[in-house]
Amino acid sequence: MPNCGACGRFLSPVGAATCGDCLIKYHRVCANISEKAQISKDWVCSNCKKDSRRGDNRQTPVKRSSGTEISAVSSRGLSPSSHRVLASDSRQFGEDVGDHTDVGGLREFFREFKEGMEEIRDFRREMAKLRESFTAYTERLDGLERRLEAVEKRRDGGDSARVAELKSAVSGLKQELNDREQEMLLSDLEIGHLPEERGTSVFQAVAVLAGRLGVTLEERDVVFAERVGPTPAEKEGRPRRMVVRLARRQLRDDLLQAARVRRAGLASATVQIVSFFAASGRRVVGCNGATPGREAAAFSLSRGTGSLCFDSVQTRTSSRRSARGAVEVPFLPNHSTIAPYYSEREI
């Protein structure tokens, strides 16, 4: 903040008189300018006027004279009476000017003080707004902390029972699903060593097998039937197993019972049959899985008709297999009360 060029006190730049030559600022009172008067930009202070030209400077305020100045004037040859008159006049004039100067300075000081107070009020208002914003953010953070604590408590305490209940429900569902799968597996069959031919329906093969076992199997009785495992690379490789799911468990039990009966009958037929067909004169090489050399005879025992049936026969005289009708052979004693017959057919 600049100082007045006349009284040396601080002054506000607003409303101050600025000299156009020396650019020194003065109080209006110190420069003898009224408060309502308008200051031009070409205004020149008394010092600059004195330096430029001497003239009538009665309108310019004079600084308060000190004792040294009075003594200096008295030392120039003035009489004591003149000195007393001059000193009293100077003192009175200085007091008047000092009074005017003090009032103007106080006004400027109060004006500056008011401006400073206004700035402080603005600063306080801004600080109050910042405090309100900070309080709002603090309350929001407190709310978030409370919610987080509630969630943690709910997870640790309240939700543990709910989680345990859900886990129990999931375990029950898994057990129920497992039980159902096990129950469905009771209707499944796995069939092995069934020849696999391209273009042959799996259901048809299962139906033919069931018919040979004496069980009637319709298409509606089979849920699905498929072969499992990789396709054999070689043509004469081992056929893949077949998995069949039946619609009713009773069908599965009937098929298994029929298979057990046929297996028991085959186990009893351990005799080696060496005979010639009456019509063709061909000799049966073996039965019951016996494989003398490279020749073998596959057969099955049918309890329903009480006869011994061979599905296929391989002879020594020819390796070619052809479908033939039933051929009667002589009665085999100690085997069956009904004369058995043999049927030679292609596999």
Protein backbone atom coordinates (compact mmCIF):
# COMPACT_ATOMS: atom_id res chain seq x y z
CA MET A 1 0.00 0.00 0.00
CA PRO A 2 1.58 3.40 -1.00
CA ASN A 3 2.22 6.32 1.34
CA CYS A 4 1.01 9.85 0.96
CA GLY A 5 3.68 12.22 -0.44
CA ALA A 6 2.62 15.01 1.94
CA CYS A 7 1.89 13.37 5.33
CA GLY A 8 3.73 10.08 4.80
CA ARG A 9 0.80 7.95 5.93
CA PHE A 10 -0.72 5.02 4.15
CA LEU A 11 -3.49 5.72 1.68
CA SER A 12 -5.79 3.70 -0.51
CA PRO A 13 -5.15 3.88 -4.25
CA VAL A 14 -8.88 4.40 -4.75
CA GLY A 15 -9.71 8.10 -4.64
CA ALA A 16 -6.11 9.25 -4.19
CA ALA A 17 -4.61 12.12 -6.19
CA THR A 18 -1.71 11.03 -8.39
CA CYS A 19 0.80 13.51 -9.76
CA GLY A 20 1.16 13.34 -13.51
CA ASP A 21 4.92 14.11 -13.36
CA CYS A 22 6.37 12.30 -10.34
CA LEU A 23 3.51 9.76 -10.00
CA ILE A 24 3.42 10.30 -6.23
CA LYS A 25 0.04 9.79 -4.59
CA TYR A 26 -1.53 12.26 -2.13
CA HIS A 27 -4.55 12.33 0.11
CA ARG A 28 -7.25 14.61 -1.21
CA VAL A 29 -7.06 16.59 2.01
CA CYS A 30 -3.26 16.87 1.77
CA ALA A 31 -3.54 17.99 -1.85
CA ASN A 32 -6.34 20.47 -0.93
CA ILE A 33 -8.84 18.70 -3.20
CA SER A 34 -12.45 18.26 -2.16
CA GLU A 35 -14.00 14.81 -1.90
CA LYS A 36 -16.49 15.49 -4.69
CA ALA A 37 -13.99 17.09 -7.06
CA GLN A 38 -12.83 15.08 -10.04
CA ILE A 39 -9.06 14.63 -10.41
CA SER A 40 -7.69 14.96 -13.91
CA LYS A 41 -4.83 12.90 -15.25
CA ASP A 42 -2.74 16.06 -15.79
CA TRP A 43 -2.86 17.12 -12.16
CA VAL A 44 0.59 18.13 -10.85
CA CYS A 45 1.62 18.29 -7.21
CA SER A 46 3.02 21.43 -5.60
CA ASN A 47 6.58 20.16 -5.53
CA CYS A 48 6.61 19.57 -9.26
CA LYS A 49 5.07 22.99 -9.83
CA LYS A 50 7.71 24.58 -7.62
CA ASP A 51 10.46 22.90 -9.53
CA SER A 52 9.03 23.88 -12.90
CA ARG A 53 8.21 27.55 -12.16
CA ARG A 54 7.69 29.74 -9.18
CA GLY A 55 4.28 31.20 -8.73
CA ASP A 56 1.49 31.71 -6.26
CA ASN A 57 1.29 28.55 -4.16
CA ARG A 58 -1.13 29.74 -1.59
CA GLN A 59 -3.54 26.95 -2.42
CA THR A 60 -0.94 24.25 -1.74
CA PRO A 61 -0.99 22.92 1.84
CA VAL A 62 2.11 23.42 3.89
CA LYS A 63 3.66 20.77 6.06
CA ARG A 64 3.77 21.28 9.79
CA SER A 65 6.83 23.30 10.71
CA SER A 66 9.19 21.95 13.27
CA GLY A 67 11.21 23.73 15.89
CA THR A 68 14.38 23.50 13.88
CA GLU A 69 12.80 25.34 10.95
CA ILE A 70 11.64 28.13 13.28
CA SER A 71 15.07 28.39 14.80
CA ALA A 72 16.52 28.47 11.31
CA VAL A 73 14.22 31.35 10.39
CA SER A 74 15.08 33.21 13.58
CA SER A 75 18.72 32.75 12.87
CA ARG A 76 18.37 34.70 9.63
CA GLY A 77 18.23 38.00 11.42
CA LEU A 78 14.63 38.40 12.51
CA SER A 79 13.86 40.30 15.66
CA PRO A 80 12.62 38.44 18.71
CA SER A 81 9.16 40.01 18.47
CA SER A 82 8.88 39.08 14.82
CA HIS A 83 10.07 35.66 15.73
CA ARG A 84 7.37 35.27 18.37
CA VAL A 85 4.63 36.40 15.98
CA LEU A 86 5.91 34.16 13.21
CA ALA A 87 6.21 31.19 15.56
CA SER A 88 2.69 31.62 16.90
CA ASP A 89 1.24 32.00 13.40
CA SER A 90 3.16 29.02 12.16
CA ARG A 91 2.06 26.93 15.14
CA GLN A 92 -1.57 27.88 14.64
CA PHE A 93 -1.40 27.20 10.92
CA GLY A 94 0.35 23.90 11.51
CA GLU A 95 -2.27 22.81 14.01
CA ASP A 96 -5.06 23.64 11.55
CA VAL A 97 -3.34 21.76 8.75
CA GLY A 98 -2.52 18.87 11.10
CA ASP A 99 -6.12 18.63 12.19
CA HIS A 100 -7.27 18.47 8.57
CA THR A 101 -4.56 15.92 7.77
CA ASP A 102 -5.47 13.68 10.72
CA VAL A 103 -9.16 13.68 9.80
CA GLY A 104 -8.42 12.75 6.18
CA GLY A 105 -6.03 10.01 7.25
CA LEU A 106 -8.58 8.60 9.63
CA ARG A 107 -11.17 8.60 6.90
CA GLU A 108 -8.83 6.76 4.58
CA PHE A 109 -7.89 4.38 7.37
CA PHE A 110 -11.52 3.64 8.17
CA ARG A 111 -12.25 3.18 4.50
CA GLU A 112 -9.38 0.74 4.17
CA PHE A 113 -10.45 -0.94 7.37
CA LYS A 114 -13.96 -1.38 6.01
CA GLU A 115 -12.60 -2.82 2.79
CA GLY A 116 -10.40 -5.20 4.74
CA MET A 117 -13.33 -6.19 6.92
CA GLU A 118 -15.42 -6.83 3.83
CA GLU A 119 -12.69 -9.03 2.43
CA ILE A 120 -12.51 -10.87 5.73
CA ARG A 121 -16.28 -11.36 5.66
CA ASP A 122 -16.05 -12.75 2.13
CA PHE A 123 -13.28 -15.06 3.24
CA ARG A 124 -15.36 -16.18 6.20
CA ARG A 125 -18.32 -16.86 3.95
CA GLU A 126 -16.13 -18.95 1.66
CA MET A 127 -14.72 -20.78 4.66
CA ALA A 128 -18.26 -21.45 5.89
CA LYS A 129 -19.17 -22.93 2.50
CA LEU A 130 -16.07 -25.09 2.55
CA ARG A 131 -16.90 -26.19 6.08
CA GLU A 132 -20.43 -27.13 5.02
CA SER A 133 -19.10 -29.10 2.06
CA PHE A 134 -16.55 -30.84 4.27
CA THR A 135 -19.27 -31.65 6.80
CA ALA A 136 -21.48 -33.11 4.06
CA TYR A 137 -18.64 -35.28 2.77
CA THR A 138 -17.82 -36.39 6.30
CA GLU A 139 -21.44 -37.39 6.92
CA ARG A 140 -21.48 -39.28 3.64
CA LEU A 141 -18.32 -41.17 4.57
CA ASP A 142 -19.81 -41.96 7.97
CA GLY A 143 -22.91 -43.33 6.25
CA LEU A 144 -20.78 -45.51 3.98
CA GLU A 145 -18.86 -46.83 6.96
CA ARG A 146 -22.09 -47.68 8.76
CA ARG A 147 -23.43 -49.48 5.71
CA LEU A 148 -20.17 -51.40 5.33
CA GLU A 149 -20.26 -52.43 8.98
CA ALA A 150 -23.88 -53.54 8.59
CA VAL A 151 -22.95 -55.62 5.54
CA GLU A 152 -20.05 -57.23 7.38
CA LYS A 153 -22.23 -58.01 10.38
CA ARG A 154 -24.90 -59.44 8.10
CA ARG A 155 -22.33 -61.57 6.35
CA ASP A 156 -20.75 -62.80 9.58
CA GLY A 157 -23.88 -63.21 11.64
CA GLY A 158 -27.29 -62.88 10.03
CA ASP A 159 -26.49 -64.37 6.64
CA SER A 160 -24.57 -67.35 8.00
CA ALA A 161 -27.82 -69.16 8.79
CA ARG A 162 -29.20 -68.32 5.35
CA VAL A 163 -26.00 -69.50 3.68
CA ALA A 164 -26.06 -72.71 5.71
CA GLU A 165 -29.68 -73.25 4.67
CA LEU A 166 -28.83 -72.71 1.02
CA LYS A 167 -25.87 -75.06 1.26
CA SER A 168 -28.10 -77.67 2.84
CA ALA A 169 -30.65 -77.21 0.05
CA VAL A 170 -27.95 -77.57 -2.59
CA SER A 171 -26.63 -80.71 -0.91
CA GLY A 172 -30.16 -82.12 -0.81
CA LEU A 173 -30.68 -81.37 -4.50
CA LYS A 174 -27.37 -83.00 -5.36
CA GLN A 175 -28.32 -86.07 -3.37
CA GLU A 176 -31.74 -86.19 -5.01
CA LEU A 177 -30.18 -85.83 -8.45
CA ASN A 178 -27.70 -88.58 -7.64
CA ASP A 179 -30.50 -90.83 -6.42
CA ARG A 180 -32.46 -90.22 -9.60
CA GLU A 181 -29.43 -90.97 -11.71
CA GLN A 182 -28.85 -94.16 -9.78
CA GLU A 183 -32.51 -95.05 -10.17
CA MET A 184 -32.29 -94.43 -13.90
CA LEU A 185 -29.16 -96.57 -14.06
CA LEU A 186 -31.28 -99.46 -12.77
CA SER A 187 -32.98 -99.45 -16.17
CA ASP A 188 -29.68 -99.44 -18.12
CA LEU A 189 -28.09 -102.39 -19.86
CA GLU A 190 -24.56 -102.76 -21.17
CA ILE A 191 -24.20 -105.29 -23.97
CA GLY A 192 -20.83 -106.48 -25.21
CA HIS A 193 -19.51 -108.61 -28.06
CA LEU A 194 -22.46 -107.72 -30.26
CA PRO A 195 -21.25 -107.51 -33.88
CA GLU A 196 -21.04 -103.96 -35.19
CA GLU A 197 -21.98 -103.46 -38.81
CA ARG A 198 -22.15 -100.22 -40.71
CA GLY A 199 -25.66 -99.16 -41.60
CA THR A 200 -27.28 -101.33 -38.94
CA SER A 201 -29.53 -99.59 -36.44
CA VAL A 202 -28.54 -100.03 -32.82
CA PHE A 203 -32.18 -100.37 -31.80
CA GLN A 204 -32.69 -103.07 -34.43
CA ALA A 205 -29.72 -105.02 -33.09
CA VAL A 206 -31.08 -104.74 -29.54
CA ALA A 207 -34.56 -105.80 -30.66
CA VAL A 208 -33.15 -108.86 -32.49
CA LEU A 209 -31.10 -109.81 -29.43
CA ALA A 210 -34.13 -109.44 -27.16
CA GLY A 211 -36.21 -111.56 -29.55
CA ARG A 212 -33.61 -114.33 -29.44
CA LEU A 213 -33.75 -114.19 -25.67
CA GLY A 214 -37.52 -114.57 -25.83
CA VAL A 215 -38.40 -111.02 -24.76
CA THR A 216 -40.54 -108.81 -26.98
CA LEU A 217 -39.03 -105.32 -27.23
CA GLU A 218 -40.79 -102.44 -28.99
CA GLU A 219 -39.43 -99.07 -29.98
CA ARG A 220 -41.33 -97.27 -27.22
CA ASP A 221 -39.65 -99.49 -24.63
CA VAL A 222 -36.19 -98.07 -25.42
CA VAL A 223 -35.27 -94.59 -24.18
CA PHE A 224 -31.95 -94.55 -26.01
CA ALA A 225 -29.44 -97.06 -27.32
CA GLU A 226 -25.92 -96.21 -28.44
CA ARG A 227 -22.44 -97.59 -28.65
CA VAL A 228 -19.76 -96.13 -26.42
CA GLY A 229 -16.05 -95.84 -26.98
CA PRO A 230 -13.90 -95.06 -30.01
CA THR A 231 -14.64 -96.66 -33.35
CA PRO A 232 -12.37 -99.66 -33.90
CA ALA A 233 -9.64 -98.98 -36.42
CA GLU A 234 -9.60 -102.47 -37.90
CA LYS A 235 -12.55 -104.06 -39.57
CA GLU A 236 -12.26 -107.25 -37.55
CA GLY A 237 -11.55 -105.44 -34.26
CA ARG A 238 -13.49 -105.94 -31.09
CA PRO A 239 -16.95 -104.34 -31.38
CA ARG A 240 -17.82 -101.47 -29.10
CA ARG A 241 -20.05 -101.96 -26.12
CA MET A 242 -23.66 -100.93 -26.38
CA VAL A 243 -25.51 -98.99 -23.67
CA VAL A 244 -29.31 -99.28 -23.65
CA ARG A 245 -31.72 -97.49 -21.34
CA LEU A 246 -35.12 -99.08 -21.11
CA ALA A 247 -38.36 -97.36 -20.22
CA ARG A 248 -39.20 -99.87 -17.47
CA ARG A 249 -37.02 -101.69 -15.04
CA GLN A 250 -39.08 -104.87 -15.51
CA LEU A 251 -37.87 -105.17 -19.10
CA ARG A 252 -34.27 -105.01 -17.93
CA ASP A 253 -34.92 -107.69 -15.32
CA ASP A 254 -36.63 -109.90 -17.92
CA LEU A 255 -33.70 -109.58 -20.32
CA LEU A 256 -31.17 -110.35 -17.60
CA GLN A 257 -33.18 -113.35 -16.41
CA ALA A 258 -33.45 -114.72 -19.94
CA ALA A 259 -29.72 -114.25 -20.47
CA ARG A 260 -28.94 -116.08 -17.21
CA VAL A 261 -31.22 -118.96 -18.22
CA ARG A 262 -29.52 -119.31 -21.61
CA ARG A 263 -26.08 -119.12 -20.00
CA ALA A 264 -27.02 -121.89 -17.58
CA GLY A 265 -28.25 -124.04 -20.46
CA LEU A 266 -25.03 -123.47 -22.39
CA ALA A 267 -22.98 -124.43 -19.38
CA SER A 268 -24.77 -127.81 -19.21
CA ALA A 269 -24.12 -128.55 -22.89
CA THR A 270 -20.45 -129.47 -22.50
CA VAL A 271 -20.56 -132.52 -24.71
CA GLN A 272 -18.68 -132.49 -27.96
CA ILE A 273 -20.95 -133.32 -30.87
CA VAL A 274 -19.35 -135.27 -33.64
CA SER A 275 -21.90 -136.16 -36.25
CA PHE A 276 -22.81 -135.58 -39.82
CA PHE A 277 -25.80 -133.76 -41.09
CA ALA A 278 -28.23 -136.21 -42.57
CA ALA A 279 -28.97 -134.02 -45.56
CA SER A 280 -25.58 -132.48 -46.37
CA GLY A 281 -23.19 -134.93 -44.79
CA ARG A 282 -21.25 -132.10 -43.12
CA ARG A 283 -19.75 -132.68 -39.71
CA VAL A 284 -20.16 -130.37 -36.73
CA VAL A 285 -16.70 -129.34 -35.56
CA GLY A 286 -17.53 -128.27 -32.00
CA CYS A 287 -20.04 -126.66 -29.68
CA ASN A 288 -20.22 -124.79 -26.35
CA GLY A 289 -17.44 -122.45 -27.37
CA ALA A 290 -14.99 -125.25 -28.07
CA THR A 291 -12.56 -124.18 -30.77
CA PRO A 292 -10.53 -127.11 -32.07
CA GLY A 293 -8.05 -125.48 -34.40
CA ARG A 294 -9.44 -122.58 -36.44
CA GLU A 295 -12.94 -123.99 -36.63
CA ALA A 296 -15.65 -123.22 -34.08
CA ALA A 297 -19.41 -123.60 -33.70
CA ALA A 298 -21.55 -120.92 -32.08
CA PHE A 299 -24.77 -122.17 -30.57
CA SER A 300 -27.58 -121.29 -28.17
CA LEU A 301 -29.92 -123.32 -26.07
CA SER A 302 -33.64 -122.63 -26.35
CA ARG A 303 -35.61 -123.82 -23.36
CA GLY A 304 -38.89 -122.60 -24.81
CA THR A 305 -39.03 -125.34 -27.45
CA GLY A 306 -36.86 -127.83 -25.64
CA SER A 307 -34.47 -128.10 -28.57
CA LEU A 308 -30.82 -127.41 -29.21
CA CYS A 309 -30.26 -124.74 -31.87
CA PHE A 310 -27.06 -123.67 -33.56
CA ASP A 311 -27.01 -120.16 -34.99
CA SER A 312 -24.05 -120.92 -37.23
CA VAL A 313 -21.82 -123.84 -38.13
CA GLN A 314 -18.38 -123.81 -39.67
CA THR A 315 -17.31 -126.99 -41.46
CA ARG A 316 -13.97 -128.39 -42.45
CA THR A 317 -14.99 -128.91 -46.05
CA SER A 318 -15.95 -125.31 -46.76
CA SER A 319 -15.34 -121.94 -45.14
CA ARG A 320 -18.22 -120.34 -47.02
CA ARG A 321 -21.28 -119.74 -44.90
CA SER A 322 -24.73 -119.59 -46.42
CA ALA A 323 -28.22 -119.39 -45.00
CA ARG A 324 -29.90 -122.74 -44.83
CA GLY A 325 -33.07 -124.12 -43.38
CA ALA A 326 -33.39 -126.43 -40.43
CA VAL A 327 -31.84 -129.85 -40.89
CA GLU A 328 -32.80 -132.81 -38.70
CA VAL A 329 -30.05 -134.97 -37.28
CA PRO A 330 -30.16 -138.26 -35.41
CA PHE A 331 -31.34 -138.21 -31.81
CA LEU A 332 -28.65 -137.56 -29.23
CA PRO A 333 -29.26 -139.61 -26.10
CA ASN A 334 -29.00 -138.22 -22.58
CA HIS A 335 -29.51 -134.67 -23.85
CA SER A 336 -33.14 -133.99 -24.54
CA THR A 337 -36.37 -135.91 -24.77
CA ILE A 338 -37.20 -134.10 -28.01
CA ALA A 339 -35.10 -134.77 -31.05
CA PRO A 340 -33.02 -131.61 -31.52
CA TYR A 341 -32.60 -129.84 -34.81
CA TYR A 342 -29.80 -127.68 -36.11
CA SER A 343 -30.08 -124.57 -38.23
CA GLU A 344 -27.10 -123.30 -40.20
CA ARG A 345 -27.28 -119.59 -40.96
CA GLU A 346 -24.93 -116.78 -41.78
CA ILE A 347 -23.85 -114.46 -38.94
